[in-house]
């Protein structure tokens, strides 16, 4: 039922993720060094991010595909996880803070396109505390599908939504940290909207899978 809507939702989720108050204001600092080292380095960074997110989609899809024999249990797990993610967005609960231990990876300043690619790959992990609830919801839906190509495509669409605002910041001198902090305030209401949508999807899955036949 959600297959036609899901690509749009994945793109919207990417945009919402990058508008997080703990990501958007620091993007100029991430790209300030990069643009000095070459105009294509920001593209390498977002390519690394896209590769990181897409890999998560592939791994999650493989995990879901291996559990097709236990699909009923997978649906129950997905329902509980979606409801948890929706609540965490509504009440701004940071349930992925334990990934903050990897924050030192973001300090990598290796030069060149390959260094930018590595930085993007590491940021996909470092920023999990900021995007975990939204990204986790997308990965949950991907796991339920159990289709590797579909999972990779949805996470690639998510990464496009994530990357476009980053590239706009990287290649525009108008986006200062101060201005982005003002823009990031819109991330809070968007997170609430995303939380309501995810919560609604979770409750609908509960109804459809357990009460729809009555």
N, C-alpha and C. Protein backbone atom coordinates (compact mmCIF):
# COMPACT_ATOMS: atom_id res chain seq x y z
N UNK A 1 0.83 -1.21 0.00
CA UNK A 1 0.00 0.00 0.00
C UNK A 1 0.86 1.26 0.00
N UNK A 2 2.01 1.21 0.66
CA UNK A 2 2.86 2.38 0.79
C UNK A 2 3.94 2.45 -0.29
N UNK A 3 3.96 1.46 -1.23
CA UNK A 3 5.07 1.37 -2.16
C UNK A 3 5.20 2.60 -3.05
N UNK A 4 4.06 3.16 -3.51
CA UNK A 4 4.12 4.34 -4.36
C UNK A 4 4.51 5.60 -3.61
N UNK A 5 4.15 5.65 -2.35
CA UNK A 5 4.44 6.83 -1.52
C UNK A 5 5.84 6.79 -0.93
N UNK A 6 6.39 5.60 -0.80
CA UNK A 6 7.63 5.43 -0.05
C UNK A 6 8.83 6.19 -0.65
N UNK A 7 9.03 6.21 -1.98
CA UNK A 7 10.16 6.99 -2.52
C UNK A 7 10.08 8.47 -2.16
N UNK A 8 8.87 9.05 -2.21
CA UNK A 8 8.70 10.45 -1.83
C UNK A 8 9.00 10.63 -0.35
N UNK A 9 8.52 9.68 0.45
CA UNK A 9 8.77 9.74 1.90
C UNK A 9 10.25 9.62 2.20
N UNK A 10 10.96 8.76 1.45
CA UNK A 10 12.40 8.58 1.67
C UNK A 10 13.16 9.87 1.35
N UNK A 11 12.77 10.54 0.26
CA UNK A 11 13.42 11.81 -0.09
C UNK A 11 13.14 12.87 0.97
N UNK A 12 11.88 12.97 1.39
CA UNK A 12 11.49 13.92 2.44
C UNK A 12 12.24 13.63 3.73
N UNK A 13 12.41 12.35 4.05
CA UNK A 13 13.14 11.96 5.26
C UNK A 13 14.59 12.42 5.20
N UNK A 14 15.20 12.36 4.01
CA UNK A 14 16.56 12.82 3.86
C UNK A 14 16.69 14.31 4.12
N UNK A 15 15.74 15.08 3.60
CA UNK A 15 15.75 16.54 3.80
C UNK A 15 15.55 16.87 5.27
N UNK A 16 14.59 16.18 5.90
CA UNK A 16 14.33 16.41 7.32
C UNK A 16 15.57 16.08 8.15
N UNK A 17 16.26 15.02 7.78
CA UNK A 17 17.45 14.59 8.52
C UNK A 17 18.53 15.66 8.51
N UNK A 18 18.79 16.24 7.35
CA UNK A 18 19.88 17.22 7.25
C UNK A 18 19.50 18.54 7.92
N UNK A 19 18.21 18.78 8.10
CA UNK A 19 17.76 19.99 8.79
C UNK A 19 17.86 19.87 10.31
N UNK A 20 18.34 18.75 10.77
CA UNK A 20 18.49 18.56 12.22
C UNK A 20 19.39 19.63 12.81
N UNK A 21 19.03 20.19 13.97
CA UNK A 21 19.83 21.25 14.59
C UNK A 21 21.26 20.83 14.93
N UNK A 22 21.52 19.53 14.99
CA UNK A 22 22.89 19.11 15.28
C UNK A 22 23.68 18.77 14.02
N UNK A 23 23.06 18.94 12.85
CA UNK A 23 23.78 18.71 11.58
C UNK A 23 23.91 20.00 10.78
N UNK A 24 22.79 20.66 10.54
CA UNK A 24 22.80 21.80 9.62
C UNK A 24 23.79 22.90 10.01
N UNK A 25 23.86 23.33 11.27
CA UNK A 25 24.79 24.42 11.61
C UNK A 25 26.27 24.08 11.44
N UNK A 26 26.61 22.77 11.46
CA UNK A 26 28.03 22.41 11.36
C UNK A 26 28.46 22.10 9.93
N UNK A 27 27.53 22.11 9.00
CA UNK A 27 27.88 21.79 7.61
C UNK A 27 28.90 22.77 7.04
N UNK A 28 28.78 24.11 7.28
CA UNK A 28 29.81 25.02 6.75
C UNK A 28 31.21 24.67 7.24
N UNK A 29 31.32 24.23 8.50
CA UNK A 29 32.63 23.86 9.04
C UNK A 29 33.17 22.62 8.34
N UNK A 30 32.27 21.68 8.02
CA UNK A 30 32.69 20.46 7.34
C UNK A 30 33.21 20.77 5.94
N UNK A 31 32.53 21.70 5.26
CA UNK A 31 32.88 21.98 3.86
C UNK A 31 33.88 23.10 3.68
N UNK A 32 34.11 23.89 4.72
CA UNK A 32 35.05 25.01 4.58
C UNK A 32 36.43 24.51 4.18
N UNK A 33 36.91 23.49 4.87
CA UNK A 33 38.20 22.90 4.55
C UNK A 33 38.16 22.21 3.19
N UNK A 34 37.02 21.58 2.90
CA UNK A 34 36.92 20.78 1.68
C UNK A 34 36.97 21.64 0.43
N UNK A 35 36.25 22.76 0.41
CA UNK A 35 36.22 23.60 -0.79
C UNK A 35 37.58 24.23 -1.06
N UNK A 36 38.39 24.40 0.01
CA UNK A 36 39.74 24.91 -0.19
C UNK A 36 40.61 23.89 -0.92
N UNK A 37 40.29 22.63 -0.78
CA UNK A 37 41.09 21.56 -1.35
C UNK A 37 40.60 21.11 -2.73
N UNK A 38 39.61 21.78 -3.28
CA UNK A 38 39.12 21.43 -4.61
C UNK A 38 37.62 21.52 -4.69
N UNK A 39 37.13 21.98 -5.84
CA UNK A 39 35.69 22.21 -5.98
C UNK A 39 34.89 20.91 -6.05
N UNK A 40 35.58 19.78 -6.31
CA UNK A 40 34.85 18.52 -6.41
C UNK A 40 34.86 17.73 -5.10
N UNK A 41 35.59 18.21 -4.12
CA UNK A 41 35.66 17.47 -2.85
C UNK A 41 34.30 17.38 -2.14
N UNK A 42 33.47 18.45 -2.11
CA UNK A 42 32.14 18.28 -1.52
C UNK A 42 31.32 17.18 -2.19
N UNK A 43 31.48 17.03 -3.51
CA UNK A 43 30.78 15.95 -4.21
C UNK A 43 31.28 14.60 -3.73
N UNK A 44 32.59 14.51 -3.45
CA UNK A 44 33.14 13.26 -2.94
C UNK A 44 32.58 12.94 -1.55
N UNK A 45 32.39 13.99 -0.73
CA UNK A 45 31.86 13.78 0.62
C UNK A 45 30.43 13.26 0.57
N UNK A 46 29.58 13.89 -0.25
CA UNK A 46 28.20 13.43 -0.32
C UNK A 46 28.11 12.07 -1.01
N UNK A 47 29.06 11.77 -1.89
CA UNK A 47 29.10 10.42 -2.49
C UNK A 47 29.41 9.39 -1.42
N UNK A 48 30.33 9.73 -0.51
CA UNK A 48 30.63 8.83 0.59
C UNK A 48 29.43 8.63 1.50
N UNK A 49 28.72 9.72 1.78
CA UNK A 49 27.49 9.61 2.58
C UNK A 49 26.47 8.72 1.89
N UNK A 50 26.28 8.93 0.59
CA UNK A 50 25.31 8.13 -0.16
C UNK A 50 25.70 6.66 -0.14
N UNK A 51 26.99 6.38 -0.29
CA UNK A 51 27.46 4.99 -0.25
C UNK A 51 27.22 4.38 1.12
N UNK A 52 27.43 5.17 2.16
CA UNK A 52 27.21 4.69 3.54
C UNK A 52 25.75 4.35 3.76
N UNK A 53 24.84 5.26 3.39
CA UNK A 53 23.42 5.04 3.60
C UNK A 53 22.90 3.89 2.72
N UNK A 54 23.35 3.86 1.46
CA UNK A 54 22.89 2.80 0.55
C UNK A 54 23.35 1.44 1.03
N UNK A 55 24.56 1.37 1.57
CA UNK A 55 25.07 0.10 2.11
C UNK A 55 24.20 -0.36 3.27
N UNK A 56 23.76 0.60 4.10
CA UNK A 56 22.85 0.24 5.20
C UNK A 56 21.57 -0.36 4.65
N UNK A 57 21.07 0.20 3.55
CA UNK A 57 19.85 -0.33 2.94
C UNK A 57 20.03 -1.73 2.42
N UNK A 58 21.19 -2.00 1.80
CA UNK A 58 21.46 -3.34 1.26
C UNK A 58 21.57 -4.36 2.39
N UNK A 59 22.33 -4.00 3.42
CA UNK A 59 22.50 -4.93 4.56
C UNK A 59 21.17 -5.21 5.24
N UNK A 60 20.37 -4.16 5.43
CA UNK A 60 19.07 -4.33 6.09
C UNK A 60 18.14 -5.19 5.24
N UNK A 61 18.17 -5.00 3.91
CA UNK A 61 17.33 -5.81 3.02
C UNK A 61 17.73 -7.27 3.07
N UNK A 62 19.04 -7.53 3.09
CA UNK A 62 19.53 -8.91 3.19
C UNK A 62 19.06 -9.53 4.50
N UNK A 63 19.14 -8.76 5.57
CA UNK A 63 18.67 -9.23 6.88
C UNK A 63 17.19 -9.59 6.81
N UNK A 64 16.39 -8.71 6.18
CA UNK A 64 14.96 -8.99 6.06
C UNK A 64 14.68 -10.21 5.19
N UNK A 65 15.46 -10.36 4.11
CA UNK A 65 15.25 -11.49 3.19
C UNK A 65 15.55 -12.82 3.87
N UNK A 66 16.52 -12.84 4.77
CA UNK A 66 16.87 -14.09 5.47
C UNK A 66 15.83 -14.49 6.50
N UNK A 67 14.94 -13.55 6.84
CA UNK A 67 13.93 -13.82 7.87
C UNK A 67 12.53 -13.97 7.30
N UNK A 68 12.45 -14.25 5.99
CA UNK A 68 11.12 -14.37 5.37
C UNK A 68 10.31 -15.52 5.98
N UNK A 69 11.01 -16.54 6.48
CA UNK A 69 10.29 -17.66 7.11
C UNK A 69 9.65 -17.23 8.43
N UNK A 70 10.13 -16.13 8.96
CA UNK A 70 9.60 -15.61 10.24
C UNK A 70 8.95 -14.25 10.02
N UNK A 71 8.25 -14.12 8.90
CA UNK A 71 7.71 -12.82 8.49
C UNK A 71 6.76 -12.24 9.53
N UNK A 72 5.96 -13.09 10.17
CA UNK A 72 5.02 -12.59 11.18
C UNK A 72 5.77 -11.91 12.33
N UNK A 73 6.86 -12.53 12.76
CA UNK A 73 7.66 -11.93 13.84
C UNK A 73 8.37 -10.66 13.36
N UNK A 74 8.80 -10.67 12.08
CA UNK A 74 9.46 -9.49 11.52
C UNK A 74 8.50 -8.32 11.48
N UNK A 75 7.24 -8.58 11.13
CA UNK A 75 6.24 -7.51 11.10
C UNK A 75 6.00 -6.95 12.51
N UNK A 76 5.93 -7.83 13.49
CA UNK A 76 5.73 -7.36 14.87
C UNK A 76 6.90 -6.49 15.31
N UNK A 77 8.11 -6.94 14.99
CA UNK A 77 9.30 -6.16 15.34
C UNK A 77 9.28 -4.81 14.63
N UNK A 78 8.90 -4.81 13.34
CA UNK A 78 8.85 -3.57 12.56
C UNK A 78 7.81 -2.62 13.12
N UNK A 79 6.66 -3.15 13.50
CA UNK A 79 5.60 -2.30 14.07
C UNK A 79 6.07 -1.63 15.36
N UNK A 80 6.69 -2.43 16.24
CA UNK A 80 7.17 -1.89 17.52
C UNK A 80 8.27 -0.85 17.28
N UNK A 81 9.14 -1.13 16.31
CA UNK A 81 10.25 -0.21 16.04
C UNK A 81 9.75 1.10 15.44
N UNK A 82 8.79 1.03 14.51
CA UNK A 82 8.25 2.24 13.91
C UNK A 82 7.55 3.11 14.95
N UNK A 83 6.78 2.48 15.82
CA UNK A 83 6.09 3.24 16.87
C UNK A 83 7.12 3.89 17.80
N UNK A 84 8.18 3.15 18.13
CA UNK A 84 9.25 3.70 18.98
C UNK A 84 9.92 4.88 18.31
N UNK A 85 10.23 4.74 17.01
CA UNK A 85 10.89 5.82 16.27
C UNK A 85 9.99 7.06 16.19
N UNK A 86 8.69 6.82 15.94
CA UNK A 86 7.75 7.95 15.88
C UNK A 86 7.68 8.69 17.20
N UNK A 87 7.63 7.95 18.30
CA UNK A 87 7.59 8.59 19.62
C UNK A 87 8.88 9.35 19.90
N UNK A 88 10.01 8.78 19.51
CA UNK A 88 11.30 9.44 19.76
C UNK A 88 11.41 10.76 18.99
N UNK A 89 10.80 10.82 17.79
CA UNK A 89 10.81 12.08 17.03
C UNK A 89 9.85 13.09 17.64
N UNK A 90 8.69 12.62 18.08
CA UNK A 90 7.71 13.54 18.66
C UNK A 90 8.22 14.18 19.94
N UNK A 91 8.93 13.39 20.74
CA UNK A 91 9.39 13.89 22.04
C UNK A 91 10.89 14.17 22.07
N UNK A 92 11.50 14.16 20.87
CA UNK A 92 12.91 14.52 20.72
C UNK A 92 13.81 13.68 21.64
N UNK A 93 13.61 12.37 21.59
CA UNK A 93 14.41 11.44 22.39
C UNK A 93 15.60 10.95 21.56
N UNK A 94 16.79 11.14 22.05
CA UNK A 94 17.99 10.73 21.33
C UNK A 94 18.37 9.30 21.73
N UNK A 95 17.78 8.33 21.04
CA UNK A 95 18.00 6.93 21.41
C UNK A 95 19.22 6.33 20.72
N UNK A 96 19.92 7.13 19.91
CA UNK A 96 21.09 6.63 19.21
C UNK A 96 22.38 7.30 19.67
N UNK A 97 22.37 7.85 20.86
CA UNK A 97 23.54 8.59 21.35
C UNK A 97 24.79 7.74 21.49
N UNK A 98 24.62 6.41 21.61
CA UNK A 98 25.80 5.57 21.80
C UNK A 98 26.72 5.58 20.59
N UNK A 99 26.20 6.00 19.42
CA UNK A 99 27.06 6.10 18.25
C UNK A 99 27.98 7.31 18.32
N UNK A 100 27.76 8.18 19.30
CA UNK A 100 28.63 9.34 19.44
C UNK A 100 30.07 8.97 19.75
N UNK A 101 30.30 7.72 20.16
CA UNK A 101 31.67 7.28 20.44
C UNK A 101 32.53 7.28 19.18
N UNK A 102 31.90 7.30 18.01
CA UNK A 102 32.64 7.28 16.76
C UNK A 102 32.92 8.67 16.22
N UNK A 103 32.64 9.70 17.02
CA UNK A 103 32.73 11.06 16.52
C UNK A 103 34.14 11.44 16.09
N UNK A 104 35.15 10.78 16.62
CA UNK A 104 36.52 11.12 16.23
C UNK A 104 36.78 10.84 14.77
N UNK A 105 35.96 9.96 14.15
CA UNK A 105 36.15 9.66 12.74
C UNK A 105 35.92 10.90 11.88
N UNK A 106 35.08 11.82 12.33
CA UNK A 106 34.74 12.99 11.54
C UNK A 106 35.88 13.98 11.46
N UNK A 107 36.91 13.81 12.27
CA UNK A 107 38.01 14.75 12.28
C UNK A 107 39.03 14.48 11.19
N UNK A 108 38.75 13.43 10.37
CA UNK A 108 39.67 13.08 9.30
C UNK A 108 39.77 14.23 8.30
N UNK A 109 40.99 14.64 7.99
CA UNK A 109 41.19 15.72 7.03
C UNK A 109 42.15 15.30 5.93
N UNK A 110 42.04 14.09 5.48
CA UNK A 110 42.88 13.63 4.38
C UNK A 110 42.51 14.37 3.12
N UNK A 111 43.53 14.77 2.39
CA UNK A 111 43.30 15.58 1.20
C UNK A 111 42.78 14.71 0.05
N UNK A 112 42.29 15.41 -0.99
CA UNK A 112 41.90 14.74 -2.22
C UNK A 112 40.49 14.21 -2.19
N UNK A 113 40.06 13.71 -3.35
CA UNK A 113 38.71 13.18 -3.50
C UNK A 113 38.51 11.92 -2.66
N UNK A 114 39.56 11.09 -2.61
CA UNK A 114 39.43 9.86 -1.82
C UNK A 114 39.28 10.18 -0.33
N UNK A 115 40.02 11.20 0.13
CA UNK A 115 39.87 11.64 1.52
C UNK A 115 38.47 12.15 1.79
N UNK A 116 37.89 12.89 0.82
CA UNK A 116 36.52 13.36 0.96
C UNK A 116 35.52 12.21 1.00
N UNK A 117 35.78 11.18 0.18
CA UNK A 117 34.92 10.01 0.17
C UNK A 117 34.95 9.30 1.52
N UNK A 118 36.14 9.16 2.09
CA UNK A 118 36.27 8.54 3.41
C UNK A 118 35.58 9.35 4.49
N UNK A 119 35.69 10.67 4.38
CA UNK A 119 35.02 11.55 5.34
C UNK A 119 33.51 11.37 5.26
N UNK A 120 32.97 11.30 4.05
CA UNK A 120 31.54 11.09 3.87
C UNK A 120 31.09 9.75 4.45
N UNK A 121 31.89 8.71 4.23
CA UNK A 121 31.56 7.39 4.79
C UNK A 121 31.51 7.44 6.31
N UNK A 122 32.47 8.13 6.92
CA UNK A 122 32.51 8.22 8.38
C UNK A 122 31.37 9.06 8.92
N UNK A 123 30.98 10.11 8.18
CA UNK A 123 29.88 10.96 8.65
C UNK A 123 28.56 10.20 8.67
N UNK A 124 28.42 9.21 7.78
CA UNK A 124 27.22 8.39 7.80
C UNK A 124 27.04 7.68 9.13
N UNK A 125 28.15 7.38 9.82
CA UNK A 125 28.11 6.75 11.15
C UNK A 125 28.03 7.81 12.24
N UNK A 126 28.86 8.84 12.11
CA UNK A 126 28.95 9.87 13.14
C UNK A 126 27.62 10.56 13.37
N UNK A 127 26.87 10.78 12.30
CA UNK A 127 25.62 11.53 12.41
C UNK A 127 24.41 10.66 12.75
N UNK A 128 24.63 9.38 13.04
CA UNK A 128 23.51 8.52 13.41
C UNK A 128 22.73 9.02 14.62
N UNK A 129 23.38 9.61 15.65
CA UNK A 129 22.58 10.14 16.76
C UNK A 129 21.59 11.22 16.32
N UNK A 130 21.93 11.94 15.25
CA UNK A 130 21.06 13.02 14.78
C UNK A 130 19.96 12.51 13.85
N UNK A 131 20.24 11.48 13.06
CA UNK A 131 19.29 11.03 12.04
C UNK A 131 18.73 9.65 12.34
N UNK A 132 19.13 9.06 13.48
CA UNK A 132 18.82 7.67 13.75
C UNK A 132 17.35 7.31 13.69
N UNK A 133 16.48 8.14 14.24
CA UNK A 133 15.06 7.80 14.28
C UNK A 133 14.45 7.81 12.89
N UNK A 134 14.77 8.84 12.09
CA UNK A 134 14.24 8.92 10.73
C UNK A 134 14.84 7.82 9.86
N UNK A 135 16.16 7.70 9.91
CA UNK A 135 16.83 6.67 9.11
C UNK A 135 16.40 5.28 9.53
N UNK A 136 16.27 5.06 10.84
CA UNK A 136 15.84 3.76 11.34
C UNK A 136 14.46 3.37 10.83
N UNK A 137 13.58 4.35 10.69
CA UNK A 137 12.23 4.07 10.18
C UNK A 137 12.28 3.64 8.72
N UNK A 138 13.12 4.31 7.92
CA UNK A 138 13.28 3.93 6.52
C UNK A 138 13.86 2.52 6.43
N UNK A 139 14.87 2.24 7.24
CA UNK A 139 15.50 0.92 7.21
C UNK A 139 14.53 -0.17 7.66
N UNK A 140 13.65 0.17 8.59
CA UNK A 140 12.66 -0.81 9.04
C UNK A 140 11.73 -1.22 7.92
N UNK A 141 11.24 -0.24 7.16
CA UNK A 141 10.36 -0.52 6.04
C UNK A 141 11.09 -1.33 4.97
N UNK A 142 12.37 -1.03 4.78
CA UNK A 142 13.18 -1.75 3.81
C UNK A 142 13.36 -3.20 4.24
N UNK A 143 13.60 -3.41 5.54
CA UNK A 143 13.78 -4.77 6.05
C UNK A 143 12.53 -5.62 5.84
N UNK A 144 11.36 -5.01 6.03
CA UNK A 144 10.11 -5.74 5.85
C UNK A 144 9.94 -6.16 4.39
N UNK A 145 10.39 -5.31 3.46
CA UNK A 145 10.26 -5.66 2.03
C UNK A 145 11.15 -6.84 1.69
N UNK A 146 12.35 -6.90 2.27
CA UNK A 146 13.26 -8.01 2.01
C UNK A 146 13.82 -8.04 0.61
N UNK A 147 13.71 -6.93 -0.14
CA UNK A 147 14.20 -6.86 -1.52
C UNK A 147 15.45 -5.98 -1.56
N UNK A 148 16.57 -6.57 -1.96
CA UNK A 148 17.85 -5.87 -1.90
C UNK A 148 17.88 -4.67 -2.83
N UNK A 149 17.42 -4.83 -4.07
CA UNK A 149 17.43 -3.72 -5.02
C UNK A 149 16.55 -2.58 -4.54
N UNK A 150 15.38 -2.93 -4.04
CA UNK A 150 14.44 -1.93 -3.53
C UNK A 150 15.03 -1.21 -2.33
N UNK A 151 15.67 -1.96 -1.44
CA UNK A 151 16.28 -1.35 -0.26
C UNK A 151 17.39 -0.40 -0.63
N UNK A 152 18.24 -0.81 -1.58
CA UNK A 152 19.33 0.06 -2.02
C UNK A 152 18.78 1.32 -2.66
N UNK A 153 17.73 1.18 -3.47
CA UNK A 153 17.14 2.33 -4.16
C UNK A 153 16.52 3.31 -3.17
N UNK A 154 15.80 2.82 -2.18
CA UNK A 154 15.15 3.70 -1.22
C UNK A 154 16.17 4.48 -0.40
N UNK A 155 17.25 3.81 0.00
CA UNK A 155 18.28 4.51 0.78
C UNK A 155 19.09 5.45 -0.10
N UNK A 156 19.20 5.14 -1.39
CA UNK A 156 19.86 6.07 -2.31
C UNK A 156 19.01 7.33 -2.47
N UNK A 157 17.68 7.16 -2.57
CA UNK A 157 16.77 8.31 -2.65
C UNK A 157 16.86 9.13 -1.36
N UNK A 158 16.92 8.43 -0.23
CA UNK A 158 17.09 9.12 1.06
C UNK A 158 18.38 9.95 1.04
N UNK A 159 19.45 9.38 0.53
CA UNK A 159 20.74 10.08 0.51
C UNK A 159 20.71 11.28 -0.43
N UNK A 160 19.90 11.22 -1.51
CA UNK A 160 19.76 12.37 -2.40
C UNK A 160 19.10 13.53 -1.64
N UNK A 161 18.01 13.20 -0.92
CA UNK A 161 17.36 14.22 -0.11
C UNK A 161 18.29 14.80 0.94
N UNK A 162 19.20 13.98 1.44
CA UNK A 162 20.18 14.42 2.44
C UNK A 162 21.26 15.27 1.80
N UNK A 163 21.66 14.91 0.58
CA UNK A 163 22.84 15.53 -0.05
C UNK A 163 22.56 16.89 -0.69
N UNK A 164 21.37 17.06 -1.24
CA UNK A 164 21.07 18.30 -1.97
C UNK A 164 21.24 19.54 -1.08
N UNK A 165 20.65 19.57 0.13
CA UNK A 165 20.88 20.75 0.99
C UNK A 165 22.35 20.94 1.35
N UNK A 166 23.08 19.83 1.53
CA UNK A 166 24.49 19.94 1.87
C UNK A 166 25.29 20.58 0.74
N UNK A 167 24.98 20.19 -0.50
CA UNK A 167 25.70 20.77 -1.64
C UNK A 167 25.33 22.24 -1.83
N UNK A 168 24.08 22.59 -1.55
CA UNK A 168 23.67 23.99 -1.63
C UNK A 168 24.48 24.84 -0.65
N UNK A 169 24.69 24.29 0.54
CA UNK A 169 25.49 25.00 1.54
C UNK A 169 26.96 25.07 1.11
N UNK A 170 27.47 23.95 0.59
CA UNK A 170 28.88 23.88 0.23
C UNK A 170 29.25 24.86 -0.87
N UNK A 171 28.35 25.05 -1.83
CA UNK A 171 28.67 25.86 -3.00
C UNK A 171 28.04 27.25 -2.98
N UNK A 172 27.50 27.65 -1.83
CA UNK A 172 26.92 28.98 -1.72
C UNK A 172 27.53 29.70 -0.54
N UNK A 173 28.09 30.85 -0.79
CA UNK A 173 28.71 31.64 0.29
C UNK A 173 27.66 32.29 1.18
N UNK A 174 26.40 32.28 0.76
CA UNK A 174 25.35 32.95 1.53
C UNK A 174 24.99 32.18 2.79
N UNK A 175 25.27 30.87 2.81
CA UNK A 175 24.83 30.05 3.93
C UNK A 175 25.89 30.04 5.02
N UNK A 176 25.87 31.03 5.88
CA UNK A 176 26.78 31.07 7.02
C UNK A 176 26.21 30.23 8.15
N UNK A 177 27.05 29.94 9.14
CA UNK A 177 26.59 29.15 10.30
C UNK A 177 25.44 29.84 11.02
N UNK A 178 25.52 31.17 11.13
CA UNK A 178 24.47 31.91 11.82
C UNK A 178 23.14 31.79 11.10
N UNK A 179 23.18 31.92 9.77
CA UNK A 179 21.95 31.82 8.99
C UNK A 179 21.39 30.40 9.05
N UNK A 180 22.27 29.42 9.03
CA UNK A 180 21.79 28.04 9.07
C UNK A 180 21.19 27.68 10.41
N UNK A 181 21.69 28.28 11.47
CA UNK A 181 21.09 28.05 12.78
C UNK A 181 19.64 28.56 12.81
N UNK A 182 19.39 29.65 12.08
CA UNK A 182 18.02 30.16 11.99
C UNK A 182 17.15 29.22 11.18
N UNK A 183 17.74 28.68 10.09
CA UNK A 183 16.98 27.75 9.25
C UNK A 183 16.70 26.45 10.00
N UNK A 184 17.67 26.02 10.82
CA UNK A 184 17.54 24.73 11.50
C UNK A 184 16.37 24.69 12.49
N UNK A 185 15.87 25.86 12.87
CA UNK A 185 14.73 25.86 13.80
C UNK A 185 13.49 25.24 13.16
N UNK A 186 13.45 25.24 11.81
CA UNK A 186 12.33 24.60 11.13
C UNK A 186 12.45 23.09 11.16
N UNK A 187 13.63 22.60 11.57
CA UNK A 187 13.79 21.16 11.67
C UNK A 187 12.93 20.55 12.76
N UNK A 188 12.67 21.32 13.83
CA UNK A 188 11.86 20.79 14.93
C UNK A 188 10.42 20.49 14.50
N UNK A 189 9.69 21.44 13.88
CA UNK A 189 8.33 21.08 13.45
C UNK A 189 8.31 20.01 12.38
N UNK A 190 9.33 19.98 11.49
CA UNK A 190 9.38 18.94 10.47
C UNK A 190 9.60 17.57 11.11
N UNK A 191 10.41 17.52 12.17
CA UNK A 191 10.60 16.26 12.88
C UNK A 191 9.30 15.80 13.52
N UNK A 192 8.51 16.74 14.02
CA UNK A 192 7.23 16.38 14.63
C UNK A 192 6.29 15.79 13.58
N UNK A 193 6.28 16.43 12.40
CA UNK A 193 5.44 15.92 11.31
C UNK A 193 5.90 14.52 10.90
N UNK A 194 7.23 14.36 10.75
CA UNK A 194 7.76 13.05 10.40
C UNK A 194 7.42 12.02 11.47
N UNK A 195 7.50 12.42 12.74
CA UNK A 195 7.16 11.52 13.84
C UNK A 195 5.71 11.08 13.78
N UNK A 196 4.81 12.01 13.49
CA UNK A 196 3.39 11.66 13.38
C UNK A 196 3.14 10.71 12.22
N UNK A 197 3.82 10.95 11.09
CA UNK A 197 3.66 10.07 9.92
C UNK A 197 4.15 8.66 10.24
N UNK A 198 5.35 8.58 10.84
CA UNK A 198 5.93 7.27 11.17
C UNK A 198 5.07 6.55 12.19
N UNK A 199 4.58 7.29 13.17
CA UNK A 199 3.70 6.70 14.18
C UNK A 199 2.42 6.18 13.54
N UNK A 200 1.87 6.98 12.61
CA UNK A 200 0.67 6.56 11.90
C UNK A 200 0.90 5.30 11.08
N UNK A 201 2.04 5.21 10.40
CA UNK A 201 2.37 4.01 9.63
C UNK A 201 2.49 2.80 10.55
N UNK A 202 3.15 2.99 11.69
CA UNK A 202 3.30 1.89 12.64
C UNK A 202 1.96 1.38 13.15
N UNK A 203 1.07 2.29 13.54
CA UNK A 203 -0.25 1.89 14.04
C UNK A 203 -1.10 1.27 12.93
N UNK A 204 -0.95 1.79 11.69
CA UNK A 204 -1.71 1.21 10.58
C UNK A 204 -1.25 -0.22 10.32
N UNK A 205 0.08 -0.46 10.40
CA UNK A 205 0.58 -1.82 10.22
C UNK A 205 0.03 -2.74 11.29
N UNK A 206 -0.07 -2.25 12.53
CA UNK A 206 -0.64 -3.06 13.61
C UNK A 206 -2.08 -3.42 13.27
N UNK A 207 -2.85 -2.42 12.83
CA UNK A 207 -4.25 -2.66 12.49
C UNK A 207 -4.38 -3.63 11.31
N UNK A 208 -3.59 -3.38 10.26
CA UNK A 208 -3.70 -4.18 9.04
C UNK A 208 -3.29 -5.63 9.27
N UNK A 209 -2.23 -5.84 10.06
CA UNK A 209 -1.69 -7.18 10.22
C UNK A 209 -2.38 -8.00 11.31
N UNK A 210 -3.06 -7.31 12.23
CA UNK A 210 -3.63 -8.05 13.38
C UNK A 210 -5.14 -7.88 13.53
N UNK A 211 -5.69 -6.80 12.97
CA UNK A 211 -7.12 -6.57 13.15
C UNK A 211 -7.86 -6.38 11.84
N UNK A 212 -7.13 -6.31 10.74
CA UNK A 212 -7.75 -6.02 9.44
C UNK A 212 -8.70 -7.08 8.97
N UNK A 213 -8.52 -8.30 9.41
CA UNK A 213 -9.37 -9.39 8.93
C UNK A 213 -10.70 -9.49 9.69
N UNK A 214 -10.81 -8.70 10.77
CA UNK A 214 -12.06 -8.77 11.58
C UNK A 214 -13.13 -7.90 10.97
